[in-house]
C-alpha cells in the first residue's frame, strides 16, 4: 500500500498563508501526501511581500531529483519560480515525467500588492519550456494580460487569449475571473479539444478580508483532484468548491492586520491509501 503522492514546487511564505505552505495544507486537507521543493524564500505577511530570495538553481534541481527518483508523485503543482535559472532547471527536471505525472502551473508573476516575483526572461522560459509540459495553467486576468497582451475581459477576447496559450503549447488554461467587477466570480476553462466552448465555473463573491493564498490554494486543489483520478473539468469544479468553502469558513477568523489566510482544514479528508 502507498499514499497518494503529490509534489509542490513553489516559494515559501513565512506567514503560512500562501506559497508552498498553502500548497501543503491544501494537498494534505484533500487526502494527498504532499512532498515539496522550495524555489525561493520570501519575506511576507498578511500585509504583502517585502522581498524575495531565490534559492540556487542547482539546489532546486537536486530537490526535484530527490523527490522524483524516490516518491514518484502522480501530480505536480508548480508555483513561483523566481528567475530564469530556476525555471529552466524545473522544466528540464520534470520533462521526463510528462507521461507519468500531470502538471499544474500557476504562472505567478507578481504578488497581490504588486511586488514583482519573476523577471521577463523567466516568463519567456515558462512559455517556451513549461507550458508545453503542463496539463493545465491557471492565470488570473492580470497574468493573462501579461502573458498574451490581451487586456479586455469579455469572453470573445478571453477566447483569443486561450488560443494564444494553446499556440504556446499548453493543453488547457483556466482563466480566473476574480478580478472582474460584479457580484459573481466566473472562471473559464478552455481545453485544446474544445477551444470554442469553455467550461464555466461561477460562484458569488465572498465578502472576506481573508483571501491570502487563494490562487495557490486553487491550483493545489486541482492538483489533488487530478491525482485522485478526476477528469480535468471535474477536478476544477471540485477544487472551486473546496476553495469557496475554505473562504467561507474563514470569514470570522482574524490573523494579522492585512489579508488573512483561508481555513484549509474546514473538513479535512483522511490520507488516501492505494494498493
Protein backbone atom coordinates (compact mmCIF):
# COMPACT_ATOMS: atom_id res chain seq x y z
CA UNK A 1 0.00 0.00 0.00
CA UNK A 2 1.09 3.57 -0.57
CA UNK A 3 -0.04 7.16 -0.04
CA UNK A 4 -1.38 9.11 -2.98
CA UNK A 5 1.70 11.24 -3.54
CA UNK A 6 1.80 14.77 -4.93
CA UNK A 7 4.52 17.39 -5.21
CA UNK A 8 4.50 21.16 -5.00
CA UNK A 9 7.35 23.24 -6.42
CA UNK A 10 6.99 26.79 -5.12
CA UNK A 11 8.26 29.60 -2.92
CA UNK A 12 7.99 29.66 0.85
CA UNK A 13 5.67 32.10 2.65
CA UNK A 14 6.91 32.66 6.20
CA UNK A 15 3.43 33.85 7.28
CA UNK A 16 1.96 30.48 6.27
CA UNK A 17 -0.95 31.73 4.18
CA UNK A 18 0.26 31.34 0.61
CA UNK A 19 3.06 29.69 -1.35
CA UNK A 20 4.31 26.25 -0.51
CA UNK A 21 2.71 26.35 2.94
CA UNK A 22 -0.76 26.85 1.43
CA UNK A 23 0.00 24.12 -1.12
CA UNK A 24 0.96 21.57 1.55
CA UNK A 25 -2.10 22.45 3.64
CA UNK A 26 -4.42 22.08 0.63
CA UNK A 27 -2.96 18.82 -0.64
CA UNK A 28 -3.00 17.35 2.86
CA UNK A 29 -6.55 18.51 3.60
CA UNK A 30 -7.68 16.73 0.42
CA UNK A 31 -6.10 13.44 1.43
CA UNK A 32 -2.86 13.54 -0.55
CA UNK A 33 0.71 13.09 0.63
CA UNK A 34 2.48 16.38 -0.11
CA UNK A 35 6.17 16.45 -0.98
CA UNK A 36 7.69 19.87 -1.57
CA UNK A 37 10.51 21.60 -3.41
CA UNK A 38 11.29 25.17 -2.33
CA UNK A 39 12.34 27.58 -5.09
CA UNK A 40 12.63 30.78 -3.06
CA UNK A 41 12.30 32.21 0.43
CA UNK A 42 10.00 35.22 0.64
CA UNK A 43 9.72 37.83 3.36
CA UNK A 44 6.00 38.48 3.66
CA UNK A 45 2.98 38.61 5.93
CA UNK A 46 -0.71 39.39 5.59
CA UNK A 47 0.17 42.93 4.50
CA UNK A 48 2.21 41.88 1.47
CA UNK A 49 5.57 40.73 0.13
CA UNK A 50 8.63 42.71 1.21
CA UNK A 51 11.42 40.76 -0.51
CA UNK A 52 12.27 37.52 -2.30
CA UNK A 53 15.42 35.41 -2.10
CA UNK A 54 15.59 32.75 -4.85
CA UNK A 55 17.49 29.57 -3.99
CA UNK A 56 20.40 28.49 -6.19
CA UNK A 57 19.01 26.69 -9.23
CA UNK A 58 21.22 23.66 -8.58
CA UNK A 59 19.67 23.20 -5.14
CA UNK A 60 16.19 23.34 -6.69
CA UNK A 61 17.30 20.81 -9.30
CA UNK A 62 18.66 18.42 -6.65
CA UNK A 63 15.46 18.67 -4.59
CA UNK A 64 13.37 17.70 -7.62
CA UNK A 65 15.64 14.77 -8.46
CA UNK A 66 15.49 13.51 -4.89
CA UNK A 67 11.68 13.52 -4.83
CA UNK A 68 11.00 12.25 -8.34
CA UNK A 69 13.51 9.41 -8.16
CA UNK A 70 12.08 8.08 -4.90
CA UNK A 71 8.48 9.15 -4.22
CA UNK A 72 7.04 9.10 -7.78
CA UNK A 73 4.28 11.74 -7.44
CA UNK A 74 1.29 11.37 -9.75
CA UNK A 75 0.52 15.09 -9.91
CA UNK A 76 2.78 18.13 -9.55
CA UNK A 77 1.84 21.74 -8.85
CA UNK A 78 4.30 24.46 -9.91
CA UNK A 79 4.09 27.91 -8.38
CA UNK A 80 6.57 30.77 -8.01
CA UNK A 81 9.83 30.18 -9.88
CA UNK A 82 11.74 33.38 -9.18
CA UNK A 83 14.26 33.56 -12.00
CA UNK A 84 15.26 32.11 -15.36
CA UNK A 85 17.78 29.63 -13.98
CA UNK A 86 15.20 28.09 -11.64
CA UNK A 87 12.50 27.98 -14.33
CA UNK A 88 14.91 26.21 -16.68
CA UNK A 89 16.01 23.74 -14.01
CA UNK A 90 12.40 22.87 -13.15
CA UNK A 91 11.49 22.44 -16.82
CA UNK A 92 14.44 20.16 -17.51
CA UNK A 93 13.99 18.02 -14.42
CA UNK A 94 10.26 17.32 -14.83
CA UNK A 95 10.27 16.86 -18.62
CA UNK A 96 10.87 13.11 -18.48
CA UNK A 97 7.86 12.65 -16.20
CA UNK A 98 5.28 14.06 -18.62
CA UNK A 99 3.90 10.60 -19.38
CA UNK A 100 3.55 9.52 -15.74
CA UNK A 101 2.52 12.71 -13.90
CA UNK A 102 0.16 15.61 -14.51
CA UNK A 103 1.47 19.17 -14.12
CA UNK A 104 -0.50 22.21 -12.97
CA UNK A 105 1.27 25.56 -13.37
CA UNK A 106 0.16 28.68 -11.50
CA UNK A 107 2.11 31.29 -13.52
CA UNK A 108 2.81 33.69 -10.67
CA UNK A 109 4.22 36.96 -11.98
CA UNK A 110 3.66 39.41 -9.14
CA UNK A 111 2.16 39.42 -5.66
CA UNK A 112 -1.29 40.80 -4.91
CA UNK A 113 0.32 44.01 -3.62
CA UNK A 114 2.21 44.44 -6.90
CA UNK A 115 5.65 43.16 -5.85
CA UNK A 116 7.29 41.56 -8.95
CA UNK A 117 8.10 37.90 -8.37
CA UNK A 118 9.69 36.93 -11.71
CA UNK A 119 11.94 38.50 -14.32
CA UNK A 120 10.96 38.89 -18.01
CA UNK A 121 13.29 36.09 -19.10
CA UNK A 122 11.64 33.84 -16.52
CA UNK A 123 8.28 34.48 -18.17
CA UNK A 124 9.76 33.61 -21.55
CA UNK A 125 11.19 30.38 -20.13
CA UNK A 126 7.80 29.42 -18.71
CA UNK A 127 6.18 29.98 -22.08
CA UNK A 128 8.85 28.16 -24.07
CA UNK A 129 9.69 25.24 -21.77
CA UNK A 130 6.98 24.77 -19.13
CA UNK A 131 3.73 25.47 -20.95
CA UNK A 132 4.23 22.52 -23.36
CA UNK A 133 4.62 20.16 -20.39
CA UNK A 134 1.53 21.25 -18.49
CA UNK A 135 -1.84 19.61 -18.17
CA UNK A 136 -3.21 22.99 -17.05
CA UNK A 137 -2.11 26.56 -16.40
CA UNK A 138 -4.15 28.81 -14.07
CA UNK A 139 -3.53 32.54 -14.77
CA UNK A 140 -5.68 35.28 -13.30
CA UNK A 141 -6.74 38.19 -15.51
CA UNK A 142 -3.62 40.37 -14.94
CA UNK A 143 -1.39 37.34 -15.63
CA UNK A 144 -3.41 36.51 -18.74
CA UNK A 145 -2.88 40.06 -19.99
CA UNK A 146 0.86 39.90 -19.27
CA UNK A 147 1.26 36.54 -21.00
CA UNK A 148 -0.88 37.22 -24.08
CA UNK A 149 -1.15 41.02 -24.41
CA UNK A 150 -4.95 40.83 -24.34
CA UNK A 151 -6.38 43.32 -21.85
CA UNK A 152 -10.15 43.03 -22.44
CA UNK A 153 -12.08 40.67 -20.18
CA UNK A 154 -15.10 39.80 -22.32
CA UNK A 155 -15.37 36.15 -23.35
CA UNK A 156 -14.58 36.81 -27.02
CA UNK A 157 -11.22 38.31 -26.10
CA UNK A 158 -10.52 35.67 -23.45
CA UNK A 159 -11.11 33.01 -26.09
CA UNK A 160 -8.41 34.67 -28.18
CA UNK A 161 -6.14 34.66 -25.15
CA UNK A 162 -6.77 30.94 -24.69
CA UNK A 163 -5.82 30.29 -28.30
CA UNK A 164 -2.55 32.13 -27.71
CA UNK A 165 -1.87 29.88 -24.73
CA UNK A 166 -2.52 26.85 -26.94
CA UNK A 167 -0.04 28.19 -29.51
CA UNK A 168 2.48 28.38 -26.66
CA UNK A 169 1.99 24.63 -26.12
CA UNK A 170 -0.34 24.22 -23.17
CA UNK A 171 -3.23 21.76 -23.32
CA UNK A 172 -5.68 23.64 -21.11
CA UNK A 173 -5.97 27.01 -19.40
CA UNK A 174 -8.17 28.12 -16.52
CA UNK A 175 -8.55 31.90 -16.72
CA UNK A 176 -9.60 33.04 -13.27
CA UNK A 177 -12.12 35.85 -13.11
CA UNK A 178 -11.79 37.06 -9.55
CA UNK A 179 -10.51 40.49 -10.67
CA UNK A 180 -13.72 41.27 -12.58
CA UNK A 181 -16.23 43.67 -11.07
CA UNK A 182 -19.64 42.34 -10.13
CA UNK A 183 -21.27 40.08 -7.55
CA UNK A 184 -20.02 36.83 -9.10
CA UNK A 185 -16.65 35.34 -9.89
CA UNK A 186 -16.52 33.26 -13.07
CA UNK A 187 -13.54 31.14 -14.07
CA UNK A 188 -13.30 29.84 -17.62
CA UNK A 189 -11.63 26.52 -18.51
CA UNK A 190 -10.51 26.26 -22.12
CA UNK A 191 -9.14 22.97 -23.43
CA UNK A 192 -7.38 22.36 -26.71
CA UNK A 193 -10.00 19.72 -27.55
CA UNK A 194 -12.91 22.20 -27.24
CA UNK A 195 -11.40 25.71 -27.59
CA UNK A 196 -14.68 27.36 -28.62
CA UNK A 197 -16.80 26.11 -25.71
CA UNK A 198 -15.20 26.79 -22.33
CA UNK A 199 -16.41 25.33 -19.07
CA UNK A 200 -17.88 27.99 -16.78
CA UNK A 201 -17.41 27.94 -13.01
CA UNK A 202 -19.41 30.72 -11.37
CA UNK A 203 -19.96 31.47 -7.71
CA UNK A 204 -20.96 34.53 -5.66
CA UNK A 205 -18.03 36.61 -4.48
CA UNK A 206 -17.40 36.05 -0.79
CA UNK A 207 -17.03 39.16 1.34
CA UNK A 208 -13.96 38.47 3.45
CA UNK A 209 -10.58 40.01 4.20
CA UNK A 210 -9.05 36.50 4.35
CA UNK A 211 -8.02 35.98 0.72
CA UNK A 212 -4.28 35.44 1.15
CA UNK A 213 -3.24 32.42 -0.91
CA UNK A 214 -6.42 31.84 -2.93
CA UNK A 215 -4.54 31.25 -6.20
CA UNK A 216 -2.07 28.85 -4.59
CA UNK A 217 -4.93 27.01 -2.90
CA UNK A 218 -6.99 26.62 -6.08
CA UNK A 219 -4.13 25.28 -8.20
CA UNK A 220 -3.10 22.88 -5.44
CA UNK A 221 -6.67 21.65 -5.02
CA UNK A 222 -6.88 20.97 -8.76
CA UNK A 223 -3.62 19.05 -8.46
CA UNK A 224 -5.04 16.97 -5.61
CA UNK A 225 -8.18 16.03 -7.53
CA UNK A 226 -6.18 15.20 -10.68
CA UNK A 227 -4.02 12.90 -8.54
CA UNK A 228 -7.21 11.19 -7.37
CA UNK A 229 -8.19 10.46 -10.96
CA UNK A 230 -10.80 13.13 -11.64
CA UNK A 231 -11.05 14.27 -15.28
CA UNK A 232 -9.82 17.85 -15.64
CA UNK A 233 -13.23 19.64 -15.81
CA UNK A 234 -14.44 17.77 -12.70
CA UNK A 235 -11.14 18.37 -10.90
CA UNK A 236 -11.52 22.11 -11.46
CA UNK A 237 -15.13 22.03 -10.29
CA UNK A 238 -14.28 20.16 -7.09
CA UNK A 239 -11.33 22.47 -6.45
CA UNK A 240 -13.58 25.52 -6.80
CA UNK A 241 -15.97 24.06 -4.22
CA UNK A 242 -13.09 23.43 -1.84
CA UNK A 243 -11.77 26.98 -2.30
CA UNK A 244 -15.17 28.56 -1.72
CA UNK A 245 -15.69 26.56 1.48
CA UNK A 246 -12.19 27.44 2.70
CA UNK A 247 -13.02 31.12 2.14
CA UNK A 248 -16.47 30.92 3.74
CA UNK A 249 -15.24 29.13 6.84
CA UNK A 250 -12.50 31.73 7.39
CA UNK A 251 -14.66 34.86 7.24
CA UNK A 252 -14.78 35.32 11.04
CA UNK A 253 -11.11 34.49 11.65
CA UNK A 254 -8.62 37.27 12.42
CA UNK A 255 -4.92 36.61 11.78
CA UNK A 256 -2.65 39.56 11.02
CA UNK A 257 -3.64 43.08 10.09
CA UNK A 258 -3.94 42.60 6.33
CA UNK A 259 -5.39 39.86 4.15
CA UNK A 260 -5.51 36.77 6.33
CA UNK A 261 -5.32 33.11 5.29
CA UNK A 262 -8.06 30.70 4.28
CA UNK A 263 -9.30 27.89 6.51
CA UNK A 264 -7.74 24.96 4.64
CA UNK A 265 -8.79 22.41 7.25
CA UNK A 266 -12.51 23.16 7.43
CA UNK A 267 -13.25 19.47 6.65
CA UNK A 268 -10.01 17.51 6.18
CA UNK A 269 -10.01 14.13 4.49
CA UNK A 270 -8.19 11.10 5.82
CA UNK A 271 -4.99 10.22 3.97
CA UNK A 272 -5.81 8.35 0.77
CA UNK A 273 -4.07 4.97 0.63
CA UNK A 274 -3.89 2.96 -2.59
CA UNK A 275 -2.87 -0.59 -3.32
